[in-house]
């Protein structure tokens, strides 16, 4: 179990093409920003919720990346 009693339930990894950070939400309500705060993810494997600045560029990575 992680913070808040949630089990580790990793969601998709997303790469910010500005700061090159790779971020991943590990469980529901685990909201994560990249280092330059251009993109954010939430939801673990339950759902993918993304937030981004209008000019943000990103790539959703598959399991082989």
PDB file of N, CA and C in Angstrom:
ATOM      1  N   UNK A   1       0.837  -1.187   0.000  1.00  0.00           N
ATOM      2  CA  UNK A   1       0.000   0.000   0.000  1.00  0.00           C
ATOM      3  C   UNK A   1       0.879   1.247   0.000  1.00  0.00           C
ATOM      4  N   UNK A   2       0.391   2.291  -0.666  1.00  0.00           N
ATOM      5  CA  UNK A   2       1.077   3.575  -0.718  1.00  0.00           C
ATOM      6  C   UNK A   2       0.299   4.609   0.082  1.00  0.00           C
ATOM      7  N   UNK A   3       0.626   5.894  -0.134  1.00  0.00           N
ATOM      8  CA  UNK A   3      -0.059   6.985   0.543  1.00  0.00           C
ATOM      9  C   UNK A   3      -1.565   6.823   0.447  1.00  0.00           C
ATOM     10  N   UNK A   4      -2.270   7.085   1.497  1.00  0.00           N
ATOM     11  CA  UNK A   4      -3.722   7.056   1.473  1.00  0.00           C
ATOM     12  C   UNK A   4      -4.320   5.665   1.413  1.00  0.00           C
ATOM     13  N   UNK A   5      -3.494   4.610   1.547  1.00  0.00           N
ATOM     14  CA  UNK A   5      -4.017   3.262   1.555  1.00  0.00           C
ATOM     15  C   UNK A   5      -4.262   2.667   0.181  1.00  0.00           C
ATOM     16  N   UNK A   6      -3.799   3.327  -0.892  1.00  0.00           N
ATOM     17  CA  UNK A   6      -3.989   2.796  -2.234  1.00  0.00           C
ATOM     18  C   UNK A   6      -2.906   1.792  -2.575  1.00  0.00           C
ATOM     19  N   UNK A   7      -3.257   0.778  -3.350  1.00  0.00           N
ATOM     20  CA  UNK A   7      -2.248  -0.166  -3.815  1.00  0.00           C
ATOM     21  C   UNK A   7      -1.548   0.397  -5.037  1.00  0.00           C
ATOM     22  N   UNK A   8      -0.293  -0.017  -5.267  1.00  0.00           N
ATOM     23  CA  UNK A   8       0.470   0.429  -6.421  1.00  0.00           C
ATOM     24  C   UNK A   8      -0.198  -0.099  -7.683  1.00  0.00           C
ATOM     25  N   UNK A   9      -0.621   0.808  -8.542  1.00  0.00           N
ATOM     26  CA  UNK A   9      -1.426   0.481  -9.707  1.00  0.00           C
ATOM     27  C   UNK A   9      -0.960   1.370 -10.857  1.00  0.00           C
ATOM     28  N   UNK A  10       0.290   1.225 -11.290  1.00  0.00           N
ATOM     29  CA  UNK A  10       0.951   2.150 -12.201  1.00  0.00           C
ATOM     30  C   UNK A  10       0.188   2.382 -13.496  1.00  0.00           C
ATOM     31  N   UNK A  11       0.107   3.651 -13.865  1.00  0.00           N
ATOM     32  CA  UNK A  11      -0.523   4.044 -15.116  1.00  0.00           C
ATOM     33  C   UNK A  11       0.515   4.284 -16.200  1.00  0.00           C
ATOM     34  N   UNK A  12       0.076   4.785 -17.350  1.00  0.00           N
ATOM     35  CA  UNK A  12       0.977   5.045 -18.464  1.00  0.00           C
ATOM     36  C   UNK A  12       2.053   6.067 -18.101  1.00  0.00           C
ATOM     37  N   UNK A  13       3.203   5.923 -18.725  1.00  0.00           N
ATOM     38  CA  UNK A  13       4.277   6.893 -18.549  1.00  0.00           C
ATOM     39  C   UNK A  13       4.161   7.940 -19.652  1.00  0.00           C
ATOM     40  N   UNK A  14       4.406   9.204 -19.290  1.00  0.00           N
ATOM     41  CA  UNK A  14       4.301  10.299 -20.238  1.00  0.00           C
ATOM     42  C   UNK A  14       5.593  11.095 -20.183  1.00  0.00           C
ATOM     43  N   UNK A  15       6.167  11.383 -21.369  1.00  0.00           N
ATOM     44  CA  UNK A  15       7.428  12.118 -21.452  1.00  0.00           C
ATOM     45  C   UNK A  15       7.159  13.548 -21.903  1.00  0.00           C
ATOM     46  N   UNK A  16       7.643  14.501 -21.123  1.00  0.00           N
ATOM     47  CA  UNK A  16       7.573  15.910 -21.485  1.00  0.00           C
ATOM     48  C   UNK A  16       8.705  16.175 -22.473  1.00  0.00           C
ATOM     49  N   UNK A  17       8.394  16.706 -23.637  1.00  0.00           N
ATOM     50  CA  UNK A  17       9.421  16.949 -24.647  1.00  0.00           C
ATOM     51  C   UNK A  17      10.135  18.282 -24.445  1.00  0.00           C
ATOM     52  N   UNK A  18       9.748  19.037 -23.420  1.00  0.00           N
ATOM     53  CA  UNK A  18      10.444  20.285 -23.081  1.00  0.00           C
ATOM     54  C   UNK A  18      11.562  20.020 -22.077  1.00  0.00           C
ATOM     55  N   UNK A  19      11.234  19.380 -20.940  1.00  0.00           N
ATOM     56  CA  UNK A  19      12.251  19.128 -19.899  1.00  0.00           C
ATOM     57  C   UNK A  19      12.761  17.684 -19.926  1.00  0.00           C
ATOM     58  N   UNK A  20      12.151  16.832 -20.755  1.00  0.00           N
ATOM     59  CA  UNK A  20      12.518  15.421 -20.937  1.00  0.00           C
ATOM     60  C   UNK A  20      12.226  14.551 -19.713  1.00  0.00           C
ATOM     61  N   UNK A  21      11.460  15.082 -18.767  1.00  0.00           N
ATOM     62  CA  UNK A  21      11.014  14.294 -17.611  1.00  0.00           C
ATOM     63  C   UNK A  21      10.043  13.210 -18.063  1.00  0.00           C
ATOM     64  N   UNK A  22      10.109  12.047 -17.447  1.00  0.00           N
ATOM     65  CA  UNK A  22       9.116  10.999 -17.654  1.00  0.00           C
ATOM     66  C   UNK A  22       8.345  10.877 -16.355  1.00  0.00           C
ATOM     67  N   UNK A  23       7.032  11.084 -16.433  1.00  0.00           N
ATOM     68  CA  UNK A  23       6.203  11.052 -15.234  1.00  0.00           C
ATOM     69  C   UNK A  23       5.183   9.930 -15.343  1.00  0.00           C
ATOM     70  N   UNK A  24       4.753   9.456 -14.191  1.00  0.00           N
ATOM     71  CA  UNK A  24       3.807   8.345 -14.129  1.00  0.00           C
ATOM     72  C   UNK A  24       3.022   8.450 -12.827  1.00  0.00           C
ATOM     73  N   UNK A  25       1.727   8.302 -12.924  1.00  0.00           N
ATOM     74  CA  UNK A  25       0.875   8.256 -11.745  1.00  0.00           C
ATOM     75  C   UNK A  25       0.827   6.804 -11.276  1.00  0.00           C
ATOM     76  N   UNK A  26       1.123   6.566 -10.012  1.00  0.00           N
ATOM     77  CA  UNK A  26       1.232   5.200  -9.505  1.00  0.00           C
ATOM     78  C   UNK A  26      -0.077   4.635  -8.981  1.00  0.00           C
ATOM     79  N   UNK A  27      -1.032   5.502  -8.622  1.00  0.00           N
ATOM     80  CA  UNK A  27      -2.313   5.048  -8.094  1.00  0.00           C
ATOM     81  C   UNK A  27      -3.326   6.179  -8.237  1.00  0.00           C
ATOM     82  N   UNK A  28      -4.599   5.876  -8.043  1.00  0.00           N
ATOM     83  CA  UNK A  28      -5.644   6.891  -8.143  1.00  0.00           C
ATOM     84  C   UNK A  28      -5.323   8.094  -7.265  1.00  0.00           C
ATOM     85  N   UNK A  29      -5.542   9.269  -7.805  1.00  0.00           N
ATOM     86  CA  UNK A  29      -5.324  10.533  -7.093  1.00  0.00           C
ATOM     87  C   UNK A  29      -3.851  10.789  -6.781  1.00  0.00           C
ATOM     88  N   UNK A  30      -2.943  10.193  -7.551  1.00  0.00           N
ATOM     89  CA  UNK A  30      -1.504  10.438  -7.430  1.00  0.00           C
ATOM     90  C   UNK A  30      -1.120  11.413  -8.544  1.00  0.00           C
ATOM     91  N   UNK A  31      -1.346  12.700  -8.308  1.00  0.00           N
ATOM     92  CA  UNK A  31      -1.159  13.757  -9.294  1.00  0.00           C
ATOM     93  C   UNK A  31       0.318  14.128  -9.362  1.00  0.00           C
ATOM     94  N   UNK A  32       0.921  14.060 -10.555  1.00  0.00           N
ATOM     95  CA  UNK A  32       2.357  14.335 -10.720  1.00  0.00           C
ATOM     96  C   UNK A  32       2.582  15.338 -11.846  1.00  0.00           C
ATOM     97  N   UNK A  33       3.414  16.371 -11.599  1.00  0.00           N
ATOM     98  CA  UNK A  33       3.862  17.329 -12.612  1.00  0.00           C
ATOM     99  C   UNK A  33       5.252  16.939 -13.090  1.00  0.00           C
ATOM    100  N   UNK A  34       5.581  17.298 -14.321  1.00  0.00           N
ATOM    101  CA  UNK A  34       6.962  17.186 -14.786  1.00  0.00           C
ATOM    102  C   UNK A  34       7.754  18.335 -14.153  1.00  0.00           C
ATOM    103  N   UNK A  35       9.078  18.329 -14.308  1.00  0.00           N
ATOM    104  CA  UNK A  35       9.940  19.321 -13.656  1.00  0.00           C
ATOM    105  C   UNK A  35       9.636  20.757 -14.101  1.00  0.00           C
ATOM    106  N   UNK A  36       9.297  20.959 -15.372  1.00  0.00           N
ATOM    107  CA  UNK A  36       9.035  22.315 -15.864  1.00  0.00           C
ATOM    108  C   UNK A  36       7.563  22.709 -15.747  1.00  0.00           C
ATOM    109  N   UNK A  37       6.750  21.825 -15.207  1.00  0.00           N
ATOM    110  CA  UNK A  37       5.319  22.023 -14.981  1.00  0.00           C
ATOM    111  C   UNK A  37       4.545  22.347 -16.256  1.00  0.00           C
ATOM    112  N   UNK A  38       4.944  21.678 -17.353  1.00  0.00           N
ATOM    113  CA  UNK A  38       4.202  21.800 -18.610  1.00  0.00           C
ATOM    114  C   UNK A  38       3.088  20.767 -18.703  1.00  0.00           C
ATOM    115  N   UNK A  39       3.320  19.573 -18.120  1.00  0.00           N
ATOM    116  CA  UNK A  39       2.311  18.505 -18.164  1.00  0.00           C
ATOM    117  C   UNK A  39       2.176  17.853 -16.792  1.00  0.00           C
ATOM    118  N   UNK A  40       1.020  17.251 -16.572  1.00  0.00           N
ATOM    119  CA  UNK A  40       0.775  16.512 -15.332  1.00  0.00           C
ATOM    120  C   UNK A  40      -0.110  15.307 -15.645  1.00  0.00           C
ATOM    121  N   UNK A  41       0.015  14.263 -14.822  1.00  0.00           N
ATOM    122  CA  UNK A  41      -0.806  13.060 -14.974  1.00  0.00           C
ATOM    123  C   UNK A  41      -1.422  12.697 -13.628  1.00  0.00           C
ATOM    124  N   UNK A  42      -2.503  11.915 -13.700  1.00  0.00           N
ATOM    125  CA  UNK A  42      -3.207  11.466 -12.515  1.00  0.00           C
ATOM    126  C   UNK A  42      -3.962  10.190 -12.866  1.00  0.00           C
ATOM    127  N   UNK A  43      -4.266   9.359 -11.895  1.00  0.00           N
ATOM    128  CA  UNK A  43      -5.190   8.251 -12.087  1.00  0.00           C
ATOM    129  C   UNK A  43      -4.633   6.854 -12.025  1.00  0.00           C
ATOM    130  N   UNK A  44      -3.307   6.680 -11.992  1.00  0.00           N
ATOM    131  CA  UNK A  44      -2.756   5.324 -11.991  1.00  0.00           C
ATOM    132  C   UNK A  44      -3.249   4.561 -13.205  1.00  0.00           C
ATOM    133  N   UNK A  45      -3.555   3.279 -13.032  1.00  0.00           N
ATOM    134  CA  UNK A  45      -4.084   2.511 -14.163  1.00  0.00           C
ATOM    135  C   UNK A  45      -5.610   2.545 -14.186  1.00  0.00           C
ATOM    136  N   UNK A  46      -6.232   3.228 -13.207  1.00  0.00           N
ATOM    137  CA  UNK A  46      -7.691   3.338 -13.184  1.00  0.00           C
ATOM    138  C   UNK A  46      -8.193   4.247 -14.307  1.00  0.00           C
ATOM    139  N   UNK A  47      -7.461   5.345 -14.557  1.00  0.00           N
ATOM    140  CA  UNK A  47      -7.809   6.279 -15.634  1.00  0.00           C
ATOM    141  C   UNK A  47      -6.582   7.139 -15.905  1.00  0.00           C
ATOM    142  N   UNK A  48      -6.494   7.732 -17.084  1.00  0.00           N
ATOM    143  CA  UNK A  48      -5.417   8.675 -17.395  1.00  0.00           C
ATOM    144  C   UNK A  48      -6.035  10.051 -17.511  1.00  0.00           C
ATOM    145  N   UNK A  49      -5.678  10.904 -16.577  1.00  0.00           N
ATOM    146  CA  UNK A  49      -6.103  12.299 -16.629  1.00  0.00           C
ATOM    147  C   UNK A  49      -4.836  13.112 -16.820  1.00  0.00           C
ATOM    148  N   UNK A  50      -4.826  13.941 -17.848  1.00  0.00           N
ATOM    149  CA  UNK A  50      -3.661  14.777 -18.115  1.00  0.00           C
ATOM    150  C   UNK A  50      -4.045  16.244 -18.056  1.00  0.00           C
ATOM    151  N   UNK A  51      -3.128  17.050 -17.580  1.00  0.00           N
ATOM    152  CA  UNK A  51      -3.244  18.500 -17.610  1.00  0.00           C
ATOM    153  C   UNK A  51      -2.002  19.016 -18.315  1.00  0.00           C
ATOM    154  N   UNK A  52      -2.162  20.102 -19.058  1.00  0.00           N
ATOM    155  CA  UNK A  52      -0.992  20.639 -19.754  1.00  0.00           C
ATOM    156  C   UNK A  52      -1.167  22.112 -20.052  1.00  0.00           C
ATOM    157  N   UNK A  53      -0.037  22.781 -20.243  1.00  0.00           N
ATOM    158  CA  UNK A  53      -0.056  24.156 -20.720  1.00  0.00           C
ATOM    159  C   UNK A  53      -0.388  24.114 -22.212  1.00  0.00           C
ATOM    160  N   UNK A  54      -0.939  25.191 -22.767  1.00  0.00           N
ATOM    161  CA  UNK A  54      -1.338  25.185 -24.177  1.00  0.00           C
ATOM    162  C   UNK A  54      -0.210  24.840 -25.158  1.00  0.00           C
ATOM    163  N   UNK A  55       1.019  25.226 -24.861  1.00  0.00           N
ATOM    164  CA  UNK A  55       2.130  24.981 -25.781  1.00  0.00           C
ATOM    165  C   UNK A  55       2.919  23.703 -25.453  1.00  0.00           C
ATOM    166  N   UNK A  56       2.428  22.898 -24.530  1.00  0.00           N
ATOM    167  CA  UNK A  56       3.150  21.694 -24.091  1.00  0.00           C
ATOM    168  C   UNK A  56       3.205  20.653 -25.204  1.00  0.00           C
ATOM    169  N   UNK A  57       4.336  19.987 -25.259  1.00  0.00           N
ATOM    170  CA  UNK A  57       4.514  18.869 -26.179  1.00  0.00           C
ATOM    171  C   UNK A  57       4.920  17.657 -25.337  1.00  0.00           C
ATOM    172  N   UNK A  58       4.282  16.519 -25.616  1.00  0.00           N
ATOM    173  CA  UNK A  58       4.529  15.326 -24.812  1.00  0.00           C
ATOM    174  C   UNK A  58       4.336  14.095 -25.662  1.00  0.00           C
ATOM    175  N   UNK A  59       4.785  12.972 -25.114  1.00  0.00           N
ATOM    176  CA  UNK A  59       4.639  11.676 -25.769  1.00  0.00           C
ATOM    177  C   UNK A  59       4.185  10.669 -24.726  1.00  0.00           C
ATOM    178  N   UNK A  60       3.133   9.917 -25.028  1.00  0.00           N
ATOM    179  CA  UNK A  60       2.697   8.837 -24.149  1.00  0.00           C
ATOM    180  C   UNK A  60       3.502   7.604 -24.527  1.00  0.00           C
ATOM    181  N   UNK A  61       4.252   7.070 -23.570  1.00  0.00           N
ATOM    182  CA  UNK A  61       5.168   5.954 -23.839  1.00  0.00           C
ATOM    183  C   UNK A  61       4.449   4.623 -23.697  1.00  0.00           C
ATOM    184  N   UNK A  62       4.767   3.709 -24.577  1.00  0.00           N
ATOM    185  CA  UNK A  62       4.210   2.362 -24.458  1.00  0.00           C
ATOM    186  C   UNK A  62       5.108   1.542 -23.539  1.00  0.00           C
ATOM    187  N   UNK A  63       4.736   0.320 -23.269  1.00  0.00           N
ATOM    188  CA  UNK A  63       5.456  -0.516 -22.298  1.00  0.00           C
ATOM    189  C   UNK A  63       6.886  -0.836 -22.725  1.00  0.00           C
ATOM    190  N   UNK A  64       7.198  -0.783 -24.013  1.00  0.00           N
ATOM    191  CA  UNK A  64       8.537  -1.130 -24.487  1.00  0.00           C
ATOM    192  C   UNK A  64       9.512   0.034 -24.406  1.00  0.00           C
ATOM    193  N   UNK A  65       9.042   1.274 -24.149  1.00  0.00           N
ATOM    194  CA  UNK A  65       9.905   2.449 -24.166  1.00  0.00           C
ATOM    195  C   UNK A  65      10.742   2.544 -22.910  1.00  0.00           C
TER     196      UNK A  65
END
